[in-house]
Amino acid sequence: MQQGDLIYIPSSVDMWNVDEQGSSIRYFKTDKPTTGVFISMEAFNTCRIFTNGQEKSVSLKCIYPMEKTC
């Protein structure tokens, strides 16, 4: 995946966000399928995405690229 790619996020996917100081982690879980934008890869098969107005981290195995259509 490349930066800016549209992604599909199924329901019941765990996501998290670490604050800037690295002192706290907020966890999120999708309650219904949604879409997002791929931002970048992180360490150990995780990536940063943008969804629901926020940047979050998620396991790469839990998201899927949307089909490209013309």
PDB file of N, CA and C in Angstrom:
ATOM      1  N   MET A   1       0.842  -1.184   0.000  1.00  0.00           N
ATOM      2  CA  MET A   1       0.000   0.000   0.000  1.00  0.00           C
ATOM      3  C   MET A   1       0.880   1.236   0.000  1.00  0.00           C
ATOM      4  N   GLN A   2       0.324   2.301  -0.546  1.00  0.00           N
ATOM      5  CA  GLN A   2       1.045   3.566  -0.619  1.00  0.00           C
ATOM      6  C   GLN A   2       0.264   4.649   0.110  1.00  0.00           C
ATOM      7  N   GLN A   3       0.977   5.689   0.524  1.00  0.00           N
ATOM      8  CA  GLN A   3       0.336   6.796   1.211  1.00  0.00           C
ATOM      9  C   GLN A   3      -0.804   7.341   0.356  1.00  0.00           C
ATOM     10  N   GLY A   4      -1.954   7.542   0.982  1.00  0.00           N
ATOM     11  CA  GLY A   4      -3.116   8.069   0.297  1.00  0.00           C
ATOM     12  C   GLY A   4      -4.079   7.030  -0.225  1.00  0.00           C
ATOM     13  N   ASP A   5      -3.711   5.745  -0.177  1.00  0.00           N
ATOM     14  CA  ASP A   5      -4.607   4.685  -0.637  1.00  0.00           C
ATOM     15  C   ASP A   5      -5.833   4.580   0.263  1.00  0.00           C
ATOM     16  N   LEU A   6      -6.983   4.368  -0.344  1.00  0.00           N
ATOM     17  CA  LEU A   6      -8.220   4.164   0.400  1.00  0.00           C
ATOM     18  C   LEU A   6      -8.257   2.725   0.892  1.00  0.00           C
ATOM     19  N   ILE A   7      -8.639   2.534   2.153  1.00  0.00           N
ATOM     20  CA  ILE A   7      -8.652   1.202   2.752  1.00  0.00           C
ATOM     21  C   ILE A   7     -10.020   0.885   3.348  1.00  0.00           C
ATOM     22  N   TYR A   8     -10.308  -0.407   3.443  1.00  0.00           N
ATOM     23  CA  TYR A   8     -11.521  -0.919   4.080  1.00  0.00           C
ATOM     24  C   TYR A   8     -11.136  -1.468   5.444  1.00  0.00           C
ATOM     25  N   ILE A   9     -11.892  -1.094   6.468  1.00  0.00           N
ATOM     26  CA  ILE A   9     -11.653  -1.552   7.838  1.00  0.00           C
ATOM     27  C   ILE A   9     -12.910  -2.271   8.309  1.00  0.00           C
ATOM     28  N   PRO A  10     -12.848  -3.597   8.518  1.00  0.00           N
ATOM     29  CA  PRO A  10     -14.041  -4.339   8.954  1.00  0.00           C
ATOM     30  C   PRO A  10     -14.472  -3.949  10.378  1.00  0.00           C
ATOM     31  N   SER A  11     -15.586  -4.486  10.828  1.00  0.00           N
ATOM     32  CA  SER A  11     -16.022  -4.255  12.211  1.00  0.00           C
ATOM     33  C   SER A  11     -15.152  -5.070  13.168  1.00  0.00           C
ATOM     34  N   SER A  12     -15.124  -4.651  14.408  1.00  0.00           N
ATOM     35  CA  SER A  12     -14.386  -5.304  15.500  1.00  0.00           C
ATOM     36  C   SER A  12     -12.875  -5.316  15.299  1.00  0.00           C
ATOM     37  N   VAL A  13     -12.340  -4.283  14.648  1.00  0.00           N
ATOM     38  CA  VAL A  13     -10.889  -4.150  14.482  1.00  0.00           C
ATOM     39  C   VAL A  13     -10.351  -3.257  15.598  1.00  0.00           C
ATOM     40  N   ASP A  14      -9.297  -3.731  16.276  1.00  0.00           N
ATOM     41  CA  ASP A  14      -8.654  -2.949  17.335  1.00  0.00           C
ATOM     42  C   ASP A  14      -7.673  -1.957  16.735  1.00  0.00           C
ATOM     43  N   MET A  15      -7.752  -0.711  17.193  1.00  0.00           N
ATOM     44  CA  MET A  15      -6.833   0.352  16.781  1.00  0.00           C
ATOM     45  C   MET A  15      -6.367   1.073  18.037  1.00  0.00           C
ATOM     46  N   TRP A  16      -5.269   1.792  17.933  1.00  0.00           N
ATOM     47  CA  TRP A  16      -4.750   2.494  19.090  1.00  0.00           C
ATOM     48  C   TRP A  16      -4.028   3.752  18.654  1.00  0.00           C
ATOM     49  N   ASN A  17      -3.830   4.646  19.621  1.00  0.00           N
ATOM     50  CA  ASN A  17      -3.097   5.884  19.385  1.00  0.00           C
ATOM     51  C   ASN A  17      -2.278   6.195  20.629  1.00  0.00           C
ATOM     52  N   VAL A  18      -0.985   6.410  20.451  1.00  0.00           N
ATOM     53  CA  VAL A  18      -0.080   6.755  21.545  1.00  0.00           C
ATOM     54  C   VAL A  18       0.059   8.270  21.561  1.00  0.00           C
ATOM     55  N   ASP A  19      -0.044   8.893  22.740  1.00  0.00           N
ATOM     56  CA  ASP A  19       0.088  10.348  22.801  1.00  0.00           C
ATOM     57  C   ASP A  19       1.519  10.772  22.467  1.00  0.00           C
ATOM     58  N   GLU A  20       1.719  12.051  22.264  1.00  0.00           N
ATOM     59  CA  GLU A  20       3.010  12.576  21.817  1.00  0.00           C
ATOM     60  C   GLU A  20       4.149  12.283  22.789  1.00  0.00           C
ATOM     61  N   GLN A  21       3.873  12.219  24.086  1.00  0.00           N
ATOM     62  CA  GLN A  21       4.905  11.936  25.074  1.00  0.00           C
ATOM     63  C   GLN A  21       5.155  10.431  25.206  1.00  0.00           C
ATOM     64  N   GLY A  22       4.281   9.625  24.653  1.00  0.00           N
ATOM     65  CA  GLY A  22       4.421   8.179  24.754  1.00  0.00           C
ATOM     66  C   GLY A  22       4.008   7.627  26.104  1.00  0.00           C
ATOM     67  N   SER A  23       3.290   8.433  26.890  1.00  0.00           N
ATOM     68  CA  SER A  23       2.935   8.013  28.248  1.00  0.00           C
ATOM     69  C   SER A  23       1.567   7.338  28.353  1.00  0.00           C
ATOM     70  N   SER A  24       0.733   7.498  27.347  1.00  0.00           N
ATOM     71  CA  SER A  24      -0.575   6.849  27.423  1.00  0.00           C
ATOM     72  C   SER A  24      -1.007   6.357  26.043  1.00  0.00           C
ATOM     73  N   ILE A  25      -1.822   5.317  26.058  1.00  0.00           N
ATOM     74  CA  ILE A  25      -2.338   4.719  24.835  1.00  0.00           C
ATOM     75  C   ILE A  25      -3.856   4.716  24.911  1.00  0.00           C
ATOM     76  N   ARG A  26      -4.504   5.181  23.846  1.00  0.00           N
ATOM     77  CA  ARG A  26      -5.965   5.115  23.750  1.00  0.00           C
ATOM     78  C   ARG A  26      -6.314   4.019  22.765  1.00  0.00           C
ATOM     79  N   TYR A  27      -7.238   3.149  23.143  1.00  0.00           N
ATOM     80  CA  TYR A  27      -7.658   2.038  22.293  1.00  0.00           C
ATOM     81  C   TYR A  27      -9.030   2.327  21.704  1.00  0.00           C
ATOM     82  N   PHE A  28      -9.229   1.876  20.482  1.00  0.00           N
ATOM     83  CA  PHE A  28     -10.493   2.033  19.767  1.00  0.00           C
ATOM     84  C   PHE A  28     -10.846   0.689  19.136  1.00  0.00           C
ATOM     85  N   LYS A  29     -12.124   0.446  18.933  1.00  0.00           N
ATOM     86  CA  LYS A  29     -12.580  -0.750  18.216  1.00  0.00           C
ATOM     87  C   LYS A  29     -13.700  -0.317  17.291  1.00  0.00           C
ATOM     88  N   THR A  30     -13.607  -0.743  16.037  1.00  0.00           N
ATOM     89  CA  THR A  30     -14.671  -0.378  15.101  1.00  0.00           C
ATOM     90  C   THR A  30     -15.938  -1.148  15.446  1.00  0.00           C
ATOM     91  N   ASP A  31     -17.059  -0.437  15.458  1.00  0.00           N
ATOM     92  CA  ASP A  31     -18.329  -1.101  15.751  1.00  0.00           C
ATOM     93  C   ASP A  31     -19.081  -1.459  14.471  1.00  0.00           C
ATOM     94  N   LYS A  32     -18.611  -0.929  13.349  1.00  0.00           N
ATOM     95  CA  LYS A  32     -19.172  -1.276  12.042  1.00  0.00           C
ATOM     96  C   LYS A  32     -18.080  -1.080  10.996  1.00  0.00           C
ATOM     97  N   PRO A  33     -18.210  -1.708   9.844  1.00  0.00           N
ATOM     98  CA  PRO A  33     -17.204  -1.524   8.799  1.00  0.00           C
ATOM     99  C   PRO A  33     -17.097  -0.046   8.407  1.00  0.00           C
ATOM    100  N   THR A  34     -15.893   0.379   8.087  1.00  0.00           N
ATOM    101  CA  THR A  34     -15.668   1.769   7.706  1.00  0.00           C
ATOM    102  C   THR A  34     -14.514   1.845   6.714  1.00  0.00           C
ATOM    103  N   THR A  35     -14.243   3.039   6.254  1.00  0.00           N
ATOM    104  CA  THR A  35     -13.123   3.256   5.342  1.00  0.00           C
ATOM    105  C   THR A  35     -12.132   4.208   5.987  1.00  0.00           C
ATOM    106  N   GLY A  36     -10.936   4.240   5.440  1.00  0.00           N
ATOM    107  CA  GLY A  36      -9.904   5.132   5.931  1.00  0.00           C
ATOM    108  C   GLY A  36      -8.864   5.367   4.852  1.00  0.00           C
ATOM    109  N   VAL A  37      -7.829   6.106   5.202  1.00  0.00           N
ATOM    110  CA  VAL A  37      -6.734   6.412   4.288  1.00  0.00           C
ATOM    111  C   VAL A  37      -5.441   5.906   4.893  1.00  0.00           C
ATOM    112  N   PHE A  38      -4.676   5.157   4.112  1.00  0.00           N
ATOM    113  CA  PHE A  38      -3.382   4.641   4.544  1.00  0.00           C
ATOM    114  C   PHE A  38      -2.390   5.801   4.590  1.00  0.00           C
ATOM    115  N   ILE A  39      -1.653   5.927   5.709  1.00  0.00           N
ATOM    116  CA  ILE A  39      -0.661   6.997   5.848  1.00  0.00           C
ATOM    117  C   ILE A  39       0.753   6.455   5.692  1.00  0.00           C
ATOM    118  N   SER A  40       1.127   5.464   6.539  1.00  0.00           N
ATOM    119  CA  SER A  40       2.500   4.949   6.475  1.00  0.00           C
ATOM    120  C   SER A  40       2.615   3.647   7.258  1.00  0.00           C
ATOM    121  N   MET A  41       3.716   2.945   6.989  1.00  0.00           N
ATOM    122  CA  MET A  41       4.036   1.727   7.735  1.00  0.00           C
ATOM    123  C   MET A  41       4.718   2.108   9.045  1.00  0.00           C
ATOM    124  N   GLU A  42       4.486   1.302  10.072  1.00  0.00           N
ATOM    125  CA  GLU A  42       5.192   1.417  11.335  1.00  0.00           C
ATOM    126  C   GLU A  42       5.966   0.123  11.544  1.00  0.00           C
ATOM    127  N   ALA A  43       6.508  -0.044  12.706  1.00  0.00           N
ATOM    128  CA  ALA A  43       7.285  -1.247  13.013  1.00  0.00           C
ATOM    129  C   ALA A  43       6.376  -2.461  13.213  1.00  0.00           C
ATOM    130  N   PHE A  44       6.915  -3.634  12.922  1.00  0.00           N
ATOM    131  CA  PHE A  44       6.302  -4.927  13.238  1.00  0.00           C
ATOM    132  C   PHE A  44       4.885  -5.085  12.683  1.00  0.00           C
ATOM    133  N   ASN A  45       4.740  -4.895  11.387  1.00  0.00           N
ATOM    134  CA  ASN A  45       3.475  -5.120  10.677  1.00  0.00           C
ATOM    135  C   ASN A  45       2.302  -4.295  11.180  1.00  0.00           C
ATOM    136  N   THR A  46       2.575  -3.070  11.592  1.00  0.00           N
ATOM    137  CA  THR A  46       1.507  -2.135  11.931  1.00  0.00           C
ATOM    138  C   THR A  46       1.648  -0.916  11.027  1.00  0.00           C
ATOM    139  N   CYS A  47       0.566  -0.171  10.901  1.00  0.00           N
ATOM    140  CA  CYS A  47       0.598   1.008  10.050  1.00  0.00           C
ATOM    141  C   CYS A  47      -0.233   2.121  10.667  1.00  0.00           C
ATOM    142  N   ARG A  48      -0.034   3.330  10.136  1.00  0.00           N
ATOM    143  CA  ARG A  48      -0.815   4.489  10.540  1.00  0.00           C
ATOM    144  C   ARG A  48      -1.875   4.717   9.489  1.00  0.00           C
ATOM    145  N   ILE A  49      -3.089   4.978   9.955  1.00  0.00           N
ATOM    146  CA  ILE A  49      -4.203   5.256   9.057  1.00  0.00           C
ATOM    147  C   ILE A  49      -4.930   6.503   9.553  1.00  0.00           C
ATOM    148  N   PHE A  50      -5.761   7.073   8.685  1.00  0.00           N
ATOM    149  CA  PHE A  50      -6.620   8.182   9.056  1.00  0.00           C
ATOM    150  C   PHE A  50      -8.056   7.722   8.867  1.00  0.00           C
ATOM    151  N   THR A  51      -8.820   7.724   9.948  1.00  0.00           N
ATOM    152  CA  THR A  51     -10.223   7.331   9.886  1.00  0.00           C
ATOM    153  C   THR A  51     -11.010   8.072  10.964  1.00  0.00           C
ATOM    154  N   ASN A  52     -12.242   8.389  10.662  1.00  0.00           N
ATOM    155  CA  ASN A  52     -13.132   9.088  11.609  1.00  0.00           C
ATOM    156  C   ASN A  52     -12.495  10.347  12.183  1.00  0.00           C
ATOM    157  N   GLY A  53     -11.735  11.066  11.356  1.00  0.00           N
ATOM    158  CA  GLY A  53     -11.154  12.341  11.770  1.00  0.00           C
ATOM    159  C   GLY A  53      -9.908  12.249  12.625  1.00  0.00           C
ATOM    160  N   GLN A  54      -9.329  11.052  12.781  1.00  0.00           N
ATOM    161  CA  GLN A  54      -8.147  10.877  13.626  1.00  0.00           C
ATOM    162  C   GLN A  54      -7.139   9.936  12.991  1.00  0.00           C
ATOM    163  N   GLU A  55      -5.859  10.176  13.303  1.00  0.00           N
ATOM    164  CA  GLU A  55      -4.822   9.215  12.940  1.00  0.00           C
ATOM    165  C   GLU A  55      -4.787   8.128  14.003  1.00  0.00           C
ATOM    166  N   LYS A  56      -4.640   6.877  13.558  1.00  0.00           N
ATOM    167  CA  LYS A  56      -4.593   5.744  14.481  1.00  0.00           C
ATOM    168  C   LYS A  56      -3.613   4.711  13.955  1.00  0.00           C
ATOM    169  N   SER A  57      -3.170   3.819  14.816  1.00  0.00           N
ATOM    170  CA  SER A  57      -2.348   2.683  14.419  1.00  0.00           C
ATOM    171  C   SER A  57      -3.223   1.445  14.382  1.00  0.00           C
ATOM    172  N   VAL A  58      -2.875   0.523  13.478  1.00  0.00           N
ATOM    173  CA  VAL A  58      -3.655  -0.695  13.326  1.00  0.00           C
ATOM    174  C   VAL A  58      -2.748  -1.781  12.764  1.00  0.00           C
ATOM    175  N   SER A  59      -3.081  -3.020  13.049  1.00  0.00           N
ATOM    176  CA  SER A  59      -2.343  -4.144  12.484  1.00  0.00           C
ATOM    177  C   SER A  59      -2.612  -4.218  10.984  1.00  0.00           C
ATOM    178  N   LEU A  60      -1.574  -4.412  10.209  1.00  0.00           N
ATOM    179  CA  LEU A  60      -1.696  -4.458   8.758  1.00  0.00           C
ATOM    180  C   LEU A  60      -2.622  -5.585   8.291  1.00  0.00           C
ATOM    181  N   LYS A  61      -2.679  -6.683   9.039  1.00  0.00           N
ATOM    182  CA  LYS A  61      -3.527  -7.814   8.635  1.00  0.00           C
ATOM    183  C   LYS A  61      -5.020  -7.529   8.806  1.00  0.00           C
ATOM    184  N   CYS A  62      -5.364  -6.419   9.457  1.00  0.00           N
ATOM    185  CA  CYS A  62      -6.773  -6.114   9.722  1.00  0.00           C
ATOM    186  C   CYS A  62      -7.390  -5.139   8.726  1.00  0.00           C
ATOM    187  N   ILE A  63      -6.602  -4.623   7.788  1.00  0.00           N
ATOM    188  CA  ILE A  63      -7.135  -3.675   6.810  1.00  0.00           C
ATOM    189  C   ILE A  63      -6.949  -4.221   5.401  1.00  0.00           C
ATOM    190  N   TYR A  64      -7.762  -3.725   4.484  1.00  0.00           N
ATOM    191  CA  TYR A  64      -7.736  -4.219   3.114  1.00  0.00           C
ATOM    192  C   TYR A  64      -7.773  -3.043   2.146  1.00  0.00           C
ATOM    193  N   PRO A  65      -6.970  -3.100   1.080  1.00  0.00           N
ATOM    194  CA  PRO A  65      -7.037  -2.021   0.090  1.00  0.00           C
ATOM    195  C   PRO A  65      -8.354  -2.071  -0.666  1.00  0.00           C
ATOM    196  N   MET A  66      -8.892  -0.883  -0.972  1.00  0.00           N
ATOM    197  CA  MET A  66     -10.103  -0.810  -1.776  1.00  0.00           C
ATOM    198  C   MET A  66      -9.713  -1.027  -3.236  1.00  0.00           C
ATOM    199  N   GLU A  67     -10.624  -1.588  -4.008  1.00  0.00           N
ATOM    200  CA  GLU A  67     -10.357  -1.815  -5.428  1.00  0.00           C
ATOM    201  C   GLU A  67     -10.243  -0.501  -6.160  1.00  0.00           C
ATOM    202  N   LYS A  68      -9.305  -0.470  -7.101  1.00  0.00           N
ATOM    203  CA  LYS A  68      -9.150   0.710  -7.937  1.00  0.00           C
ATOM    204  C   LYS A  68     -10.149   0.616  -9.094  1.00  0.00           C
ATOM    205  N   THR A  69     -10.935   1.664  -9.284  1.00  0.00           N
ATOM    206  CA  THR A  69     -11.889   1.691 -10.375  1.00  0.00           C
ATOM    207  C   THR A  69     -11.724   2.974 -11.163  1.00  0.00           C
ATOM    208  N   CYS A  70     -12.083   2.940 -12.411  1.00  0.00           N
ATOM    209  CA  CYS A  70     -11.991   4.135 -13.273  1.00  0.00           C
ATOM    210  C   CYS A  70     -13.362   4.624 -13.619  1.00  0.00           C
TER     211      CYS A  70
END
